Amino acid sequence: MHQKMWNLVSLPVNHKVVGCKWVFRVKENIDGSINKYKVRLVANRFHQVVGFDFHKTFSPVIQPVTIHIISTVALSFGWKLFQLDVKNAFLNGILEEIVYMHQPLGFEVANKSQVYKLNKALYRLKQAPRQWFNCL
């Protein structure tokens, strides 16, 4: 809610609703002790229909030969290589399509007929990787 991921609206006629669920995970230290508890809200992407909820998908994949070439060029010129890891990457992509999601458990309001209109991509949406790549 702080990131303005969604707006609570009434479901328009002829629109499908994507389900969602909470995914819980326990992060452990090397010695097996609990480091922290993590939770993530994810969309049920199997409810999405091509051409209705999304138009294109995208899966950025790098070939191993590309990594070898970049490493060789960097080594030849004495360049430093850095790795980039972005936390909550998919949550930064602005959605182009209109996607409605059921109210997640714990975020229900009195009017159960209302749904959340997503403003930003959510984990497991089929268009989330493409939107993140466009944002990057």
N, C-alpha and C. Protein backbone atom coordinates (compact mmCIF):
# COMPACT_ATOMS: atom_id res chain seq x y z
N MET A 1 0.83 -1.19 0.00
CA MET A 1 0.00 0.00 0.00
C MET A 1 0.87 1.25 0.00
N HIS A 2 2.00 1.19 0.71
CA HIS A 2 2.92 2.32 0.75
C HIS A 2 3.53 2.59 -0.63
N GLN A 3 3.73 1.53 -1.42
CA GLN A 3 4.32 1.68 -2.75
C GLN A 3 3.28 1.96 -3.83
N LYS A 4 2.01 2.11 -3.42
CA LYS A 4 0.92 2.38 -4.37
C LYS A 4 0.85 1.30 -5.45
N MET A 5 0.87 0.05 -5.00
CA MET A 5 0.81 -1.09 -5.91
C MET A 5 -0.57 -1.26 -6.53
N TRP A 6 -1.62 -0.86 -5.82
CA TRP A 6 -2.97 -1.10 -6.29
C TRP A 6 -3.93 -0.04 -5.79
N ASN A 7 -5.10 -0.01 -6.42
CA ASN A 7 -6.22 0.82 -5.99
C ASN A 7 -7.42 -0.09 -5.82
N LEU A 8 -8.21 0.14 -4.80
CA LEU A 8 -9.42 -0.64 -4.56
C LEU A 8 -10.55 -0.07 -5.41
N VAL A 9 -11.11 -0.90 -6.31
CA VAL A 9 -12.14 -0.45 -7.24
C VAL A 9 -13.23 -1.53 -7.36
N SER A 10 -14.34 -1.16 -7.96
CA SER A 10 -15.37 -2.14 -8.31
C SER A 10 -14.97 -2.80 -9.61
N LEU A 11 -15.22 -4.09 -9.74
CA LEU A 11 -14.84 -4.83 -10.95
C LEU A 11 -15.74 -4.44 -12.12
N PRO A 12 -15.14 -3.93 -13.22
CA PRO A 12 -15.94 -3.60 -14.40
C PRO A 12 -16.49 -4.88 -15.05
N VAL A 13 -17.54 -4.71 -15.83
CA VAL A 13 -18.15 -5.83 -16.52
C VAL A 13 -17.16 -6.39 -17.54
N ASN A 14 -17.19 -7.69 -17.76
CA ASN A 14 -16.37 -8.39 -18.76
C ASN A 14 -14.88 -8.36 -18.45
N HIS A 15 -14.50 -8.26 -17.19
CA HIS A 15 -13.09 -8.34 -16.81
C HIS A 15 -12.88 -9.54 -15.90
N LYS A 16 -11.77 -10.23 -16.12
CA LYS A 16 -11.42 -11.35 -15.27
C LYS A 16 -10.59 -10.85 -14.09
N VAL A 17 -10.58 -11.65 -13.04
CA VAL A 17 -9.82 -11.30 -11.84
C VAL A 17 -8.73 -12.35 -11.64
N VAL A 18 -7.52 -11.88 -11.38
CA VAL A 18 -6.40 -12.76 -11.11
C VAL A 18 -6.37 -13.04 -9.61
N GLY A 19 -6.15 -14.29 -9.26
CA GLY A 19 -6.04 -14.65 -7.85
C GLY A 19 -4.67 -14.29 -7.30
N CYS A 20 -4.49 -14.47 -6.02
CA CYS A 20 -3.20 -14.20 -5.39
C CYS A 20 -3.06 -15.08 -4.15
N LYS A 21 -1.83 -15.18 -3.68
CA LYS A 21 -1.58 -15.92 -2.45
C LYS A 21 -0.32 -15.38 -1.80
N TRP A 22 -0.18 -15.66 -0.53
CA TRP A 22 1.00 -15.27 0.24
C TRP A 22 1.98 -16.44 0.23
N VAL A 23 3.25 -16.15 0.00
CA VAL A 23 4.30 -17.16 0.06
C VAL A 23 5.20 -16.81 1.23
N PHE A 24 5.30 -17.72 2.18
CA PHE A 24 6.10 -17.50 3.39
C PHE A 24 7.40 -18.29 3.28
N ARG A 25 8.48 -17.70 3.80
CA ARG A 25 9.78 -18.35 3.76
C ARG A 25 10.57 -17.98 5.00
N VAL A 26 11.31 -18.94 5.50
CA VAL A 26 12.19 -18.71 6.64
C VAL A 26 13.62 -18.68 6.12
N LYS A 27 14.30 -17.55 6.31
CA LYS A 27 15.70 -17.43 5.90
C LYS A 27 16.56 -17.87 7.08
N GLU A 28 17.50 -18.78 6.83
CA GLU A 28 18.34 -19.31 7.89
C GLU A 28 19.78 -18.87 7.71
N ASN A 29 20.49 -18.82 8.83
CA ASN A 29 21.93 -18.58 8.81
C ASN A 29 22.65 -19.87 8.45
N ILE A 30 23.95 -19.79 8.26
CA ILE A 30 24.74 -20.96 7.90
C ILE A 30 24.64 -22.05 8.98
N ASP A 31 24.56 -21.64 10.24
CA ASP A 31 24.50 -22.62 11.33
C ASP A 31 23.10 -23.20 11.53
N GLY A 32 22.12 -22.80 10.74
CA GLY A 32 20.78 -23.32 10.83
C GLY A 32 19.84 -22.50 11.70
N SER A 33 20.35 -21.49 12.36
CA SER A 33 19.48 -20.63 13.17
C SER A 33 18.67 -19.71 12.26
N ILE A 34 17.53 -19.27 12.74
CA ILE A 34 16.63 -18.43 11.95
C ILE A 34 17.17 -17.01 11.86
N ASN A 35 17.33 -16.52 10.63
CA ASN A 35 17.81 -15.17 10.39
C ASN A 35 16.63 -14.21 10.34
N LYS A 36 15.62 -14.52 9.50
CA LYS A 36 14.43 -13.67 9.40
C LYS A 36 13.32 -14.43 8.70
N TYR A 37 12.12 -13.91 8.86
CA TYR A 37 10.95 -14.45 8.20
C TYR A 37 10.60 -13.52 7.04
N LYS A 38 10.33 -14.11 5.87
CA LYS A 38 9.99 -13.30 4.71
C LYS A 38 8.62 -13.72 4.20
N VAL A 39 7.92 -12.75 3.65
CA VAL A 39 6.62 -13.02 3.05
C VAL A 39 6.53 -12.24 1.74
N ARG A 40 5.87 -12.85 0.76
CA ARG A 40 5.74 -12.22 -0.55
C ARG A 40 4.34 -12.50 -1.08
N LEU A 41 3.70 -11.47 -1.60
CA LEU A 41 2.40 -11.63 -2.24
C LEU A 41 2.64 -11.90 -3.72
N VAL A 42 2.11 -13.01 -4.22
CA VAL A 42 2.31 -13.38 -5.62
C VAL A 42 0.97 -13.57 -6.30
N ALA A 43 0.95 -13.34 -7.60
CA ALA A 43 -0.26 -13.51 -8.40
C ALA A 43 -0.34 -14.95 -8.90
N ASN A 44 -1.55 -15.42 -9.08
CA ASN A 44 -1.77 -16.73 -9.69
C ASN A 44 -1.83 -16.53 -11.19
N ARG A 45 -0.69 -16.67 -11.85
CA ARG A 45 -0.60 -16.33 -13.26
C ARG A 45 -1.39 -17.26 -14.17
N PHE A 46 -1.75 -18.44 -13.70
CA PHE A 46 -2.50 -19.36 -14.55
C PHE A 46 -3.91 -18.84 -14.83
N HIS A 47 -4.35 -17.79 -14.13
CA HIS A 47 -5.64 -17.17 -14.41
C HIS A 47 -5.55 -16.14 -15.54
N GLN A 48 -4.36 -15.77 -15.95
CA GLN A 48 -4.20 -14.73 -16.98
C GLN A 48 -4.44 -15.30 -18.37
N VAL A 49 -5.07 -14.50 -19.22
CA VAL A 49 -5.41 -14.91 -20.58
C VAL A 49 -4.63 -14.05 -21.57
N VAL A 50 -3.97 -14.70 -22.54
CA VAL A 50 -3.20 -13.98 -23.55
C VAL A 50 -4.12 -13.08 -24.36
N GLY A 51 -3.70 -11.84 -24.58
CA GLY A 51 -4.49 -10.88 -25.34
C GLY A 51 -5.53 -10.14 -24.52
N PHE A 52 -5.79 -10.63 -23.32
CA PHE A 52 -6.78 -9.98 -22.47
C PHE A 52 -6.09 -9.34 -21.26
N ASP A 53 -5.36 -10.13 -20.51
CA ASP A 53 -4.63 -9.64 -19.34
C ASP A 53 -3.21 -9.19 -19.69
N PHE A 54 -2.65 -9.75 -20.74
CA PHE A 54 -1.31 -9.37 -21.17
C PHE A 54 -1.18 -9.65 -22.66
N HIS A 55 -0.20 -8.97 -23.29
CA HIS A 55 -0.02 -9.13 -24.73
C HIS A 55 1.30 -9.79 -25.07
N LYS A 56 2.35 -9.45 -24.33
CA LYS A 56 3.66 -10.01 -24.60
C LYS A 56 4.31 -10.43 -23.28
N THR A 57 5.14 -11.45 -23.36
CA THR A 57 5.97 -11.83 -22.21
C THR A 57 7.42 -11.64 -22.61
N PHE A 58 8.29 -11.70 -21.64
CA PHE A 58 9.71 -11.48 -21.90
C PHE A 58 10.49 -12.20 -20.83
N SER A 59 11.52 -12.90 -21.25
CA SER A 59 12.36 -13.62 -20.31
C SER A 59 13.82 -13.36 -20.67
N PRO A 60 14.46 -12.38 -20.02
CA PRO A 60 15.85 -12.08 -20.36
C PRO A 60 16.78 -13.20 -19.92
N VAL A 61 17.48 -13.77 -20.89
CA VAL A 61 18.40 -14.87 -20.62
C VAL A 61 19.72 -14.53 -21.30
N ILE A 62 20.80 -14.75 -20.58
CA ILE A 62 22.12 -14.50 -21.17
C ILE A 62 22.78 -15.85 -21.46
N GLN A 63 23.43 -15.92 -22.59
CA GLN A 63 24.12 -17.14 -22.99
C GLN A 63 25.48 -17.22 -22.29
N PRO A 64 25.92 -18.41 -21.94
CA PRO A 64 27.23 -18.56 -21.28
C PRO A 64 28.38 -18.00 -22.12
N VAL A 65 28.29 -18.12 -23.45
CA VAL A 65 29.36 -17.60 -24.31
C VAL A 65 29.46 -16.08 -24.17
N THR A 66 28.35 -15.39 -23.95
CA THR A 66 28.37 -13.93 -23.76
C THR A 66 29.12 -13.57 -22.49
N ILE A 67 28.91 -14.32 -21.43
CA ILE A 67 29.64 -14.09 -20.18
C ILE A 67 31.13 -14.31 -20.39
N HIS A 68 31.50 -15.34 -21.14
CA HIS A 68 32.92 -15.61 -21.40
C HIS A 68 33.56 -14.48 -22.20
N ILE A 69 32.84 -13.98 -23.21
CA ILE A 69 33.39 -12.89 -24.05
C ILE A 69 33.56 -11.62 -23.22
N ILE A 70 32.56 -11.27 -22.43
CA ILE A 70 32.65 -10.06 -21.61
C ILE A 70 33.78 -10.19 -20.59
N SER A 71 33.91 -11.36 -19.99
CA SER A 71 34.99 -11.58 -19.02
C SER A 71 36.36 -11.47 -19.69
N THR A 72 36.49 -12.01 -20.89
CA THR A 72 37.77 -11.95 -21.61
C THR A 72 38.12 -10.51 -21.99
N VAL A 73 37.15 -9.76 -22.49
CA VAL A 73 37.40 -8.36 -22.86
C VAL A 73 37.76 -7.54 -21.61
N ALA A 74 37.03 -7.74 -20.51
CA ALA A 74 37.31 -7.01 -19.28
C ALA A 74 38.70 -7.34 -18.76
N LEU A 75 39.08 -8.60 -18.82
CA LEU A 75 40.42 -9.00 -18.36
C LEU A 75 41.51 -8.41 -19.26
N SER A 76 41.27 -8.39 -20.56
CA SER A 76 42.25 -7.84 -21.51
C SER A 76 42.50 -6.36 -21.30
N PHE A 77 41.47 -5.61 -20.99
CA PHE A 77 41.59 -4.17 -20.80
C PHE A 77 41.77 -3.76 -19.35
N GLY A 78 41.79 -4.72 -18.44
CA GLY A 78 41.97 -4.41 -17.02
C GLY A 78 40.76 -3.75 -16.39
N TRP A 79 39.57 -4.00 -16.92
CA TRP A 79 38.35 -3.42 -16.38
C TRP A 79 37.89 -4.19 -15.16
N LYS A 80 37.16 -3.52 -14.30
CA LYS A 80 36.55 -4.18 -13.15
C LYS A 80 35.13 -4.60 -13.52
N LEU A 81 34.72 -5.77 -13.07
CA LEU A 81 33.37 -6.24 -13.30
C LEU A 81 32.57 -6.15 -12.01
N PHE A 82 31.31 -5.77 -12.14
CA PHE A 82 30.42 -5.67 -10.98
C PHE A 82 29.15 -6.45 -11.26
N GLN A 83 28.58 -6.98 -10.20
CA GLN A 83 27.31 -7.68 -10.30
C GLN A 83 26.23 -6.79 -9.71
N LEU A 84 25.07 -6.80 -10.32
CA LEU A 84 23.95 -5.99 -9.86
C LEU A 84 22.84 -6.91 -9.39
N ASP A 85 22.40 -6.71 -8.17
CA ASP A 85 21.27 -7.46 -7.63
C ASP A 85 20.27 -6.45 -7.10
N VAL A 86 19.08 -6.46 -7.66
CA VAL A 86 18.06 -5.48 -7.28
C VAL A 86 17.01 -6.17 -6.42
N LYS A 87 16.80 -5.65 -5.22
CA LYS A 87 15.77 -6.21 -4.36
C LYS A 87 14.40 -5.71 -4.82
N ASN A 88 13.43 -6.58 -4.78
CA ASN A 88 12.06 -6.25 -5.19
C ASN A 88 12.01 -5.73 -6.63
N ALA A 89 12.79 -6.34 -7.51
CA ALA A 89 12.90 -5.85 -8.88
C ALA A 89 11.55 -5.78 -9.59
N PHE A 90 10.79 -6.86 -9.55
CA PHE A 90 9.54 -6.90 -10.31
C PHE A 90 8.51 -5.92 -9.78
N LEU A 91 8.65 -5.48 -8.56
CA LEU A 91 7.67 -4.57 -7.99
C LEU A 91 7.83 -3.14 -8.48
N ASN A 92 8.84 -2.89 -9.29
CA ASN A 92 9.09 -1.54 -9.80
C ASN A 92 8.55 -1.32 -11.21
N GLY A 93 8.11 -2.38 -11.88
CA GLY A 93 7.60 -2.25 -13.25
C GLY A 93 6.18 -1.71 -13.27
N ILE A 94 5.96 -0.64 -14.03
CA ILE A 94 4.62 -0.04 -14.17
C ILE A 94 3.84 -0.86 -15.20
N LEU A 95 2.65 -1.28 -14.85
CA LEU A 95 1.83 -2.09 -15.76
C LEU A 95 1.23 -1.25 -16.87
N GLU A 96 1.27 -1.75 -18.08
CA GLU A 96 0.61 -1.11 -19.21
C GLU A 96 -0.81 -1.65 -19.36
N GLU A 97 -0.99 -2.93 -19.05
CA GLU A 97 -2.29 -3.56 -19.15
C GLU A 97 -3.09 -3.31 -17.87
N ILE A 98 -4.39 -3.46 -17.97
CA ILE A 98 -5.26 -3.33 -16.80
C ILE A 98 -5.45 -4.73 -16.22
N VAL A 99 -5.00 -4.91 -14.99
CA VAL A 99 -5.10 -6.21 -14.32
C VAL A 99 -5.80 -6.01 -12.99
N TYR A 100 -6.81 -6.83 -12.74
CA TYR A 100 -7.54 -6.79 -11.48
C TYR A 100 -7.20 -8.04 -10.67
N MET A 101 -7.05 -7.88 -9.37
CA MET A 101 -6.67 -8.97 -8.49
C MET A 101 -7.64 -9.07 -7.32
N HIS A 102 -7.93 -10.30 -6.90
CA HIS A 102 -8.76 -10.50 -5.71
C HIS A 102 -8.11 -9.83 -4.50
N GLN A 103 -8.89 -9.52 -3.51
CA GLN A 103 -8.36 -8.95 -2.28
C GLN A 103 -7.54 -10.03 -1.56
N PRO A 104 -6.28 -9.76 -1.26
CA PRO A 104 -5.47 -10.76 -0.56
C PRO A 104 -5.90 -10.93 0.89
N LEU A 105 -5.67 -12.10 1.40
CA LEU A 105 -5.98 -12.40 2.79
C LEU A 105 -5.25 -11.42 3.70
N GLY A 106 -5.97 -10.78 4.57
CA GLY A 106 -5.39 -9.79 5.47
C GLY A 106 -5.57 -8.36 4.99
N PHE A 107 -5.97 -8.18 3.74
CA PHE A 107 -6.19 -6.84 3.18
C PHE A 107 -7.63 -6.68 2.71
N GLU A 108 -8.54 -7.50 3.24
CA GLU A 108 -9.93 -7.41 2.82
C GLU A 108 -10.58 -6.17 3.40
N VAL A 109 -11.54 -5.63 2.66
CA VAL A 109 -12.36 -4.53 3.15
C VAL A 109 -13.79 -5.06 3.32
N ALA A 110 -14.65 -4.25 3.88
CA ALA A 110 -16.02 -4.68 4.15
C ALA A 110 -16.74 -5.10 2.87
N ASN A 111 -16.52 -4.40 1.78
CA ASN A 111 -17.18 -4.72 0.51
C ASN A 111 -16.36 -5.77 -0.24
N LYS A 112 -16.75 -7.02 -0.13
CA LYS A 112 -16.00 -8.13 -0.74
C LYS A 112 -16.10 -8.14 -2.26
N SER A 113 -17.04 -7.38 -2.84
CA SER A 113 -17.19 -7.37 -4.29
C SER A 113 -16.13 -6.50 -4.96
N GLN A 114 -15.43 -5.68 -4.20
CA GLN A 114 -14.40 -4.84 -4.78
C GLN A 114 -13.11 -5.64 -4.98
N VAL A 115 -12.32 -5.21 -5.95
CA VAL A 115 -11.05 -5.87 -6.27
C VAL A 115 -9.95 -4.83 -6.32
N TYR A 116 -8.72 -5.29 -6.37
CA TYR A 116 -7.58 -4.38 -6.49
C TYR A 116 -7.19 -4.26 -7.96
N LYS A 117 -7.10 -3.02 -8.45
CA LYS A 117 -6.57 -2.75 -9.79
C LYS A 117 -5.08 -2.52 -9.61
N LEU A 118 -4.26 -3.38 -10.22
CA LEU A 118 -2.81 -3.30 -10.04
C LEU A 118 -2.23 -2.14 -10.85
N ASN A 119 -1.40 -1.34 -10.20
CA ASN A 119 -0.68 -0.25 -10.87
C ASN A 119 0.72 -0.68 -11.26
N LYS A 120 1.30 -1.58 -10.47
CA LYS A 120 2.66 -2.06 -10.72
C LYS A 120 2.63 -3.57 -10.82
N ALA A 121 3.68 -4.11 -11.43
CA ALA A 121 3.77 -5.55 -11.60
C ALA A 121 3.94 -6.23 -10.25
N LEU A 122 3.41 -7.42 -10.18
CA LEU A 122 3.48 -8.22 -8.98
C LEU A 122 4.20 -9.51 -9.34
N TYR A 123 4.87 -10.13 -8.40
CA TYR A 123 5.55 -11.39 -8.67
C TYR A 123 4.59 -12.39 -9.28
N ARG A 124 5.09 -13.14 -10.26
CA ARG A 124 4.39 -14.19 -11.00
C ARG A 124 3.39 -13.70 -12.03
N LEU A 125 3.23 -12.39 -12.21
CA LEU A 125 2.44 -11.93 -13.35
C LEU A 125 3.24 -12.23 -14.61
N LYS A 126 2.58 -12.62 -15.67
CA LYS A 126 3.31 -13.00 -16.88
C LYS A 126 4.04 -11.83 -17.52
N GLN A 127 3.56 -10.61 -17.30
CA GLN A 127 4.21 -9.45 -17.90
C GLN A 127 5.22 -8.80 -16.96
N ALA A 128 5.42 -9.32 -15.76
CA ALA A 128 6.32 -8.71 -14.78
C ALA A 128 7.77 -8.61 -15.27
N PRO A 129 8.37 -9.67 -15.86
CA PRO A 129 9.75 -9.53 -16.34
C PRO A 129 9.89 -8.47 -17.42
N ARG A 130 8.93 -8.39 -18.34
CA ARG A 130 9.00 -7.38 -19.41
C ARG A 130 8.89 -5.98 -18.86
N GLN A 131 7.98 -5.78 -17.91
CA GLN A 131 7.81 -4.44 -17.33
C GLN A 131 9.05 -4.02 -16.54
N TRP A 132 9.66 -4.96 -15.83
CA TRP A 132 10.88 -4.64 -15.09
C TRP A 132 12.00 -4.28 -16.07
N PHE A 133 12.13 -5.02 -17.16
CA PHE A 133 13.16 -4.74 -18.16
C PHE A 133 12.94 -3.38 -18.79
N ASN A 134 11.69 -3.01 -19.07
CA ASN A 134 11.38 -1.67 -19.60
C ASN A 134 11.74 -0.59 -18.61
N CYS A 135 11.50 -0.84 -17.31
CA CYS A 135 11.83 0.12 -16.28
C CYS A 135 13.34 0.30 -16.15
N LEU A 136 14.06 -0.82 -16.26
CA LEU A 136 15.52 -0.78 -16.14
C LEU A 136 16.12 -0.01 -17.30
